Amino acid sequence: MFSDEMISLDCPCCREAIYQPLSWFKKTYATCPACNAGVAASQFAAAVGTIEEAIDARLEELVAGKPHGGCCGGHHS
């Protein structure tokens, strides 16, 4: 859904941070911009899955709304 959201994950080869759109980490094969090593989507699958779950949870909160306390969310008499 948000495949163009920018994220940062460490390269499994050189450990440098790779800052790319989420979709980049899902490519079957890509090249690390820091060390030019070949990296595969499977190397990032666990981290990408966790990030996608967090994005989904954030979207659900935005759509459903979180209960608010205080003057803005309470009933006024």
PDB file of N, CA and C in Angstrom:
ATOM      1  N   MET A   1       0.826  -1.180   0.000  1.00  0.00           N
ATOM      2  CA  MET A   1       0.000   0.000   0.000  1.00  0.00           C
ATOM      3  C   MET A   1       0.875   1.250   0.000  1.00  0.00           C
ATOM      4  N   PHE A   2       1.834   1.350   0.896  1.00  0.00           N
ATOM      5  CA  PHE A   2       2.721   2.495   0.966  1.00  0.00           C
ATOM      6  C   PHE A   2       4.120   2.076   0.550  1.00  0.00           C
ATOM      7  N   SER A   3       4.250   1.556  -0.661  1.00  0.00           N
ATOM      8  CA  SER A   3       5.535   1.035  -1.120  1.00  0.00           C
ATOM      9  C   SER A   3       6.554   2.131  -1.378  1.00  0.00           C
ATOM     10  N   ASP A   4       6.124   3.402  -1.444  1.00  0.00           N
ATOM     11  CA  ASP A   4       7.066   4.482  -1.668  1.00  0.00           C
ATOM     12  C   ASP A   4       7.478   5.191  -0.384  1.00  0.00           C
ATOM     13  N   GLU A   5       7.029   4.687   0.763  1.00  0.00           N
ATOM     14  CA  GLU A   5       7.438   5.272   2.038  1.00  0.00           C
ATOM     15  C   GLU A   5       8.932   5.020   2.216  1.00  0.00           C
ATOM     16  N   MET A   6       9.668   6.063   2.560  1.00  0.00           N
ATOM     17  CA  MET A   6      11.115   5.953   2.717  1.00  0.00           C
ATOM     18  C   MET A   6      11.447   5.304   4.062  1.00  0.00           C
ATOM     19  N   ILE A   7      12.339   4.323   4.013  1.00  0.00           N
ATOM     20  CA  ILE A   7      12.802   3.642   5.222  1.00  0.00           C
ATOM     21  C   ILE A   7      14.317   3.481   5.139  1.00  0.00           C
ATOM     22  N   SER A   8      14.908   3.101   6.245  1.00  0.00           N
ATOM     23  CA  SER A   8      16.341   2.865   6.288  1.00  0.00           C
ATOM     24  C   SER A   8      16.599   1.510   6.937  1.00  0.00           C
ATOM     25  N   LEU A   9      17.328   0.671   6.233  1.00  0.00           N
ATOM     26  CA  LEU A   9      17.752  -0.625   6.772  1.00  0.00           C
ATOM     27  C   LEU A   9      19.242  -0.776   6.490  1.00  0.00           C
ATOM     28  N   ASP A  10      19.921  -1.536   7.324  1.00  0.00           N
ATOM     29  CA  ASP A  10      21.356  -1.752   7.144  1.00  0.00           C
ATOM     30  C   ASP A  10      21.617  -2.809   6.087  1.00  0.00           C
ATOM     31  N   CYS A  11      22.637  -2.563   5.280  1.00  0.00           N
ATOM     32  CA  CYS A  11      23.078  -3.536   4.286  1.00  0.00           C
ATOM     33  C   CYS A  11      23.590  -4.774   5.020  1.00  0.00           C
ATOM     34  N   PRO A  12      23.168  -5.965   4.600  1.00  0.00           N
ATOM     35  CA  PRO A  12      23.654  -7.183   5.258  1.00  0.00           C
ATOM     36  C   PRO A  12      25.143  -7.446   5.010  1.00  0.00           C
ATOM     37  N   CYS A  13      25.726  -6.768   4.027  1.00  0.00           N
ATOM     38  CA  CYS A  13      27.137  -6.982   3.714  1.00  0.00           C
ATOM     39  C   CYS A  13      28.055  -5.987   4.417  1.00  0.00           C
ATOM     40  N   CYS A  14      27.798  -4.683   4.218  1.00  0.00           N
ATOM     41  CA  CYS A  14      28.711  -3.672   4.764  1.00  0.00           C
ATOM     42  C   CYS A  14      28.163  -2.976   6.016  1.00  0.00           C
ATOM     43  N   ARG A  15      26.905  -3.234   6.354  1.00  0.00           N
ATOM     44  CA  ARG A  15      26.231  -2.667   7.532  1.00  0.00           C
ATOM     45  C   ARG A  15      25.974  -1.155   7.427  1.00  0.00           C
ATOM     46  N   GLU A  16      26.195  -0.556   6.254  1.00  0.00           N
ATOM     47  CA  GLU A  16      25.862   0.853   6.048  1.00  0.00           C
ATOM     48  C   GLU A  16      24.351   0.977   5.899  1.00  0.00           C
ATOM     49  N   ALA A  17      23.812   2.088   6.327  1.00  0.00           N
ATOM     50  CA  ALA A  17      22.384   2.330   6.209  1.00  0.00           C
ATOM     51  C   ALA A  17      22.007   2.556   4.746  1.00  0.00           C
ATOM     52  N   ILE A  18      20.967   1.890   4.313  1.00  0.00           N
ATOM     53  CA  ILE A  18      20.422   2.080   2.972  1.00  0.00           C
ATOM     54  C   ILE A  18      19.083   2.785   3.155  1.00  0.00           C
ATOM     55  N   TYR A  19      18.970   4.000   2.630  1.00  0.00           N
ATOM     56  CA  TYR A  19      17.750   4.794   2.755  1.00  0.00           C
ATOM     57  C   TYR A  19      17.074   4.810   1.391  1.00  0.00           C
ATOM     58  N   GLN A  20      16.020   4.033   1.270  1.00  0.00           N
ATOM     59  CA  GLN A  20      15.328   3.869  -0.007  1.00  0.00           C
ATOM     60  C   GLN A  20      13.835   3.705   0.246  1.00  0.00           C
ATOM     61  N   PRO A  21      13.013   3.809  -0.811  1.00  0.00           N
ATOM     62  CA  PRO A  21      11.587   3.523  -0.643  1.00  0.00           C
ATOM     63  C   PRO A  21      11.395   2.056  -0.235  1.00  0.00           C
ATOM     64  N   LEU A  22      10.337   1.786   0.499  1.00  0.00           N
ATOM     65  CA  LEU A  22      10.034   0.423   0.945  1.00  0.00           C
ATOM     66  C   LEU A  22      10.062  -0.562  -0.221  1.00  0.00           C
ATOM     67  N   SER A  23       9.558  -0.146  -1.373  1.00  0.00           N
ATOM     68  CA  SER A  23       9.514  -1.024  -2.552  1.00  0.00           C
ATOM     69  C   SER A  23      10.911  -1.478  -2.984  1.00  0.00           C
ATOM     70  N   TRP A  24      11.949  -0.655  -2.738  1.00  0.00           N
ATOM     71  CA  TRP A  24      13.310  -1.017  -3.116  1.00  0.00           C
ATOM     72  C   TRP A  24      13.745  -2.285  -2.396  1.00  0.00           C
ATOM     73  N   PHE A  25      13.381  -2.398  -1.119  1.00  0.00           N
ATOM     74  CA  PHE A  25      13.787  -3.547  -0.312  1.00  0.00           C
ATOM     75  C   PHE A  25      12.998  -4.807  -0.670  1.00  0.00           C
ATOM     76  N   LYS A  26      11.954  -4.657  -1.486  1.00  0.00           N
ATOM     77  CA  LYS A  26      11.144  -5.798  -1.912  1.00  0.00           C
ATOM     78  C   LYS A  26      11.554  -6.308  -3.289  1.00  0.00           C
ATOM     79  N   LYS A  27      12.499  -5.619  -3.924  1.00  0.00           N
ATOM     80  CA  LYS A  27      12.978  -6.060  -5.237  1.00  0.00           C
ATOM     81  C   LYS A  27      13.632  -7.430  -5.092  1.00  0.00           C
ATOM     82  N   THR A  28      13.476  -8.254  -6.096  1.00  0.00           N
ATOM     83  CA  THR A  28      14.112  -9.569  -6.077  1.00  0.00           C
ATOM     84  C   THR A  28      15.614  -9.433  -5.888  1.00  0.00           C
ATOM     85  N   TYR A  29      16.203  -8.461  -6.583  1.00  0.00           N
ATOM     86  CA  TYR A  29      17.647  -8.255  -6.505  1.00  0.00           C
ATOM     87  C   TYR A  29      17.931  -6.763  -6.653  1.00  0.00           C
ATOM     88  N   ALA A  30      18.838  -6.242  -5.858  1.00  0.00           N
ATOM     89  CA  ALA A  30      19.259  -4.842  -5.941  1.00  0.00           C
ATOM     90  C   ALA A  30      20.737  -4.770  -5.576  1.00  0.00           C
ATOM     91  N   THR A  31      21.307  -3.591  -5.702  1.00  0.00           N
ATOM     92  CA  THR A  31      22.711  -3.376  -5.378  1.00  0.00           C
ATOM     93  C   THR A  31      22.809  -2.329  -4.277  1.00  0.00           C
ATOM     94  N   CYS A  32      23.571  -2.617  -3.247  1.00  0.00           N
ATOM     95  CA  CYS A  32      23.771  -1.677  -2.153  1.00  0.00           C
ATOM     96  C   CYS A  32      24.458  -0.429  -2.695  1.00  0.00           C
ATOM     97  N   PRO A  33      23.891   0.754  -2.426  1.00  0.00           N
ATOM     98  CA  PRO A  33      24.525   1.987  -2.903  1.00  0.00           C
ATOM     99  C   PRO A  33      25.879   2.269  -2.243  1.00  0.00           C
ATOM    100  N   ALA A  34      26.133   1.712  -1.080  1.00  0.00           N
ATOM    101  CA  ALA A  34      27.388   1.978  -0.369  1.00  0.00           C
ATOM    102  C   ALA A  34      28.528   1.068  -0.827  1.00  0.00           C
ATOM    103  N   CYS A  35      28.251  -0.231  -0.945  1.00  0.00           N
ATOM    104  CA  CYS A  35      29.339  -1.171  -1.242  1.00  0.00           C
ATOM    105  C   CYS A  35      29.176  -1.914  -2.568  1.00  0.00           C
ATOM    106  N   ASN A  36      28.079  -1.673  -3.256  1.00  0.00           N
ATOM    107  CA  ASN A  36      27.786  -2.316  -4.542  1.00  0.00           C
ATOM    108  C   ASN A  36      27.592  -3.819  -4.447  1.00  0.00           C
ATOM    109  N   ALA A  37      27.396  -4.338  -3.248  1.00  0.00           N
ATOM    110  CA  ALA A  37      27.127  -5.766  -3.093  1.00  0.00           C
ATOM    111  C   ALA A  37      25.698  -6.051  -3.541  1.00  0.00           C
ATOM    112  N   GLY A  38      25.491  -7.223  -4.064  1.00  0.00           N
ATOM    113  CA  GLY A  38      24.146  -7.644  -4.442  1.00  0.00           C
ATOM    114  C   GLY A  38      23.360  -8.032  -3.204  1.00  0.00           C
ATOM    115  N   VAL A  39      22.146  -7.533  -3.113  1.00  0.00           N
ATOM    116  CA  VAL A  39      21.266  -7.877  -1.998  1.00  0.00           C
ATOM    117  C   VAL A  39      19.933  -8.349  -2.558  1.00  0.00           C
ATOM    118  N   ALA A  40      19.302  -9.254  -1.829  1.00  0.00           N
ATOM    119  CA  ALA A  40      18.041  -9.826  -2.269  1.00  0.00           C
ATOM    120  C   ALA A  40      16.927  -9.476  -1.296  1.00  0.00           C
ATOM    121  N   ALA A  41      15.713  -9.472  -1.802  1.00  0.00           N
ATOM    122  CA  ALA A  41      14.549  -9.165  -0.974  1.00  0.00           C
ATOM    123  C   ALA A  41      14.477 -10.084   0.241  1.00  0.00           C
ATOM    124  N   SER A  42      14.877 -11.319   0.088  1.00  0.00           N
ATOM    125  CA  SER A  42      14.803 -12.281   1.196  1.00  0.00           C
ATOM    126  C   SER A  42      15.671 -11.843   2.377  1.00  0.00           C
ATOM    127  N   GLN A  43      16.736 -11.085   2.124  1.00  0.00           N
ATOM    128  CA  GLN A  43      17.610 -10.616   3.197  1.00  0.00           C
ATOM    129  C   GLN A  43      16.943  -9.536   4.049  1.00  0.00           C
ATOM    130  N   PHE A  44      15.933  -8.889   3.501  1.00  0.00           N
ATOM    131  CA  PHE A  44      15.234  -7.824   4.208  1.00  0.00           C
ATOM    132  C   PHE A  44      13.814  -8.216   4.610  1.00  0.00           C
ATOM    133  N   ALA A  45      13.386  -9.432   4.267  1.00  0.00           N
ATOM    134  CA  ALA A  45      11.985  -9.835   4.427  1.00  0.00           C
ATOM    135  C   ALA A  45      11.455  -9.672   5.846  1.00  0.00           C
ATOM    136  N   ALA A  46      12.200 -10.092   6.848  1.00  0.00           N
ATOM    137  CA  ALA A  46      11.716  -9.998   8.235  1.00  0.00           C
ATOM    138  C   ALA A  46      11.537  -8.545   8.649  1.00  0.00           C
ATOM    139  N   ALA A  47      12.529  -7.707   8.359  1.00  0.00           N
ATOM    140  CA  ALA A  47      12.448  -6.293   8.731  1.00  0.00           C
ATOM    141  C   ALA A  47      11.335  -5.589   7.961  1.00  0.00           C
ATOM    142  N   VAL A  48      11.194  -5.884   6.682  1.00  0.00           N
ATOM    143  CA  VAL A  48      10.141  -5.275   5.863  1.00  0.00           C
ATOM    144  C   VAL A  48       8.769  -5.684   6.396  1.00  0.00           C
ATOM    145  N   GLY A  49       8.611  -6.941   6.775  1.00  0.00           N
ATOM    146  CA  GLY A  49       7.345  -7.405   7.343  1.00  0.00           C
ATOM    147  C   GLY A  49       6.988  -6.656   8.618  1.00  0.00           C
ATOM    148  N   THR A  50       7.957  -6.456   9.476  1.00  0.00           N
ATOM    149  CA  THR A  50       7.732  -5.707  10.726  1.00  0.00           C
ATOM    150  C   THR A  50       7.340  -4.262  10.426  1.00  0.00           C
ATOM    151  N   ILE A  51       8.023  -3.645   9.477  1.00  0.00           N
ATOM    152  CA  ILE A  51       7.727  -2.266   9.110  1.00  0.00           C
ATOM    153  C   ILE A  51       6.333  -2.160   8.507  1.00  0.00           C
ATOM    154  N   GLU A  52       5.969  -3.097   7.654  1.00  0.00           N
ATOM    155  CA  GLU A  52       4.637  -3.069   7.047  1.00  0.00           C
ATOM    156  C   GLU A  52       3.541  -3.234   8.096  1.00  0.00           C
ATOM    157  N   GLU A  53       3.778  -4.089   9.081  1.00  0.00           N
ATOM    158  CA  GLU A  53       2.805  -4.249  10.170  1.00  0.00           C
ATOM    159  C   GLU A  53       2.653  -2.943  10.951  1.00  0.00           C
ATOM    160  N   ALA A  54       3.761  -2.266  11.203  1.00  0.00           N
ATOM    161  CA  ALA A  54       3.708  -0.989  11.925  1.00  0.00           C
ATOM    162  C   ALA A  54       2.969   0.070  11.106  1.00  0.00           C
ATOM    163  N   ILE A  55       3.205   0.096   9.805  1.00  0.00           N
ATOM    164  CA  ILE A  55       2.505   1.046   8.931  1.00  0.00           C
ATOM    165  C   ILE A  55       1.010   0.750   8.938  1.00  0.00           C
ATOM    166  N   ASP A  56       0.650  -0.533   8.822  1.00  0.00           N
ATOM    167  CA  ASP A  56      -0.764  -0.917   8.844  1.00  0.00           C
ATOM    168  C   ASP A  56      -1.424  -0.504  10.155  1.00  0.00           C
ATOM    169  N   ALA A  57      -0.739  -0.719  11.272  1.00  0.00           N
ATOM    170  CA  ALA A  57      -1.292  -0.354  12.578  1.00  0.00           C
ATOM    171  C   ALA A  57      -1.473   1.160  12.671  1.00  0.00           C
ATOM    172  N   ARG A  58      -0.519   1.905  12.164  1.00  0.00           N
ATOM    173  CA  ARG A  58      -0.615   3.363  12.179  1.00  0.00           C
ATOM    174  C   ARG A  58      -1.787   3.833  11.319  1.00  0.00           C
ATOM    175  N   LEU A  59      -1.969   3.196  10.170  1.00  0.00           N
ATOM    176  CA  LEU A  59      -3.078   3.562   9.298  1.00  0.00           C
ATOM    177  C   LEU A  59      -4.420   3.252   9.946  1.00  0.00           C
ATOM    178  N   GLU A  60      -4.509   2.114  10.616  1.00  0.00           N
ATOM    179  CA  GLU A  60      -5.755   1.759  11.304  1.00  0.00           C
ATOM    180  C   GLU A  60      -6.081   2.793  12.377  1.00  0.00           C
ATOM    181  N   GLU A  61      -5.068   3.252  13.099  1.00  0.00           N
ATOM    182  CA  GLU A  61      -5.282   4.285  14.119  1.00  0.00           C
ATOM    183  C   GLU A  61      -5.770   5.575  13.486  1.00  0.00           C
ATOM    184  N   LEU A  62      -5.193   5.933  12.343  1.00  0.00           N
ATOM    185  CA  LEU A  62      -5.597   7.163  11.679  1.00  0.00           C
ATOM    186  C   LEU A  62      -7.030   7.077  11.165  1.00  0.00           C
ATOM    187  N   VAL A  63      -7.392   5.931  10.616  1.00  0.00           N
ATOM    188  CA  VAL A  63      -8.733   5.757  10.062  1.00  0.00           C
ATOM    189  C   VAL A  63      -9.765   5.633  11.175  1.00  0.00           C
ATOM    190  N   ALA A  64      -9.496   4.784  12.155  1.00  0.00           N
ATOM    191  CA  ALA A  64     -10.450   4.546  13.232  1.00  0.00           C
ATOM    192  C   ALA A  64     -10.416   5.661  14.264  1.00  0.00           C
ATOM    193  N   GLY A  65      -9.287   6.284  14.400  1.00  0.00           N
ATOM    194  CA  GLY A  65      -9.127   7.338  15.402  1.00  0.00           C
ATOM    195  C   GLY A  65      -8.879   6.739  16.766  1.00  0.00           C
ATOM    196  N   LYS A  66      -8.003   7.366  17.481  1.00  0.00           N
ATOM    197  CA  LYS A  66      -7.714   6.933  18.847  1.00  0.00           C
ATOM    198  C   LYS A  66      -8.591   7.744  19.785  1.00  0.00           C
ATOM    199  N   PRO A  67      -9.069   7.131  20.852  1.00  0.00           N
ATOM    200  CA  PRO A  67      -9.853   7.892  21.816  1.00  0.00           C
ATOM    201  C   PRO A  67      -9.003   8.997  22.441  1.00  0.00           C
ATOM    202  N   HIS A  68      -9.594  10.164  22.564  1.00  0.00           N
ATOM    203  CA  HIS A  68      -8.886  11.297  23.141  1.00  0.00           C
ATOM    204  C   HIS A  68      -9.529  11.673  24.456  1.00  0.00           C
ATOM    205  N   GLY A  69      -8.725  12.062  25.389  1.00  0.00           N
ATOM    206  CA  GLY A  69      -9.240  12.550  26.662  1.00  0.00           C
ATOM    207  C   GLY A  69      -9.169  14.061  26.683  1.00  0.00           C
ATOM    208  N   GLY A  70      -9.616  14.640  27.741  1.00  0.00           N
ATOM    209  CA  GLY A  70      -9.522  16.090  27.894  1.00  0.00           C
ATOM    210  C   GLY A  70     -10.613  16.826  27.137  1.00  0.00           C
ATOM    211  N   CYS A  71     -10.359  18.076  26.869  1.00  0.00           N
ATOM    212  CA  CYS A  71     -11.398  18.955  26.316  1.00  0.00           C
ATOM    213  C   CYS A  71     -11.786  18.609  24.892  1.00  0.00           C
ATOM    214  N   CYS A  72     -10.896  18.030  24.121  1.00  0.00           N
ATOM    215  CA  CYS A  72     -11.196  17.801  22.715  1.00  0.00           C
ATOM    216  C   CYS A  72     -11.982  16.520  22.463  1.00  0.00           C
ATOM    217  N   GLY A  73     -11.902  15.561  23.363  1.00  0.00           N
ATOM    218  CA  GLY A  73     -12.554  14.285  23.110  1.00  0.00           C
ATOM    219  C   GLY A  73     -13.706  13.989  24.035  1.00  0.00           C
ATOM    220  N   GLY A  74     -13.892  14.794  25.016  1.00  0.00           N
ATOM    221  CA  GLY A  74     -14.942  14.519  25.987  1.00  0.00           C
ATOM    222  C   GLY A  74     -16.248  15.199  25.626  1.00  0.00           C
ATOM    223  N   HIS A  75     -17.297  14.837  26.314  1.00  0.00           N
ATOM    224  CA  HIS A  75     -18.593  15.481  26.123  1.00  0.00           C
ATOM    225  C   HIS A  75     -18.663  16.732  26.973  1.00  0.00           C
ATOM    226  N   HIS A  76     -19.241  17.758  26.409  1.00  0.00           N
ATOM    227  CA  HIS A  76     -19.375  19.021  27.123  1.00  0.00           C
ATOM    228  C   HIS A  76     -20.788  19.176  27.650  1.00  0.00           C
ATOM    229  N   SER A  77     -20.953  19.751  28.816  1.00  0.00           N
ATOM    230  CA  SER A  77     -22.274  19.967  29.400  1.00  0.00           C
ATOM    231  C   SER A  77     -22.784  21.330  29.041  1.00  0.00           C
TER     232      SER A  77
END
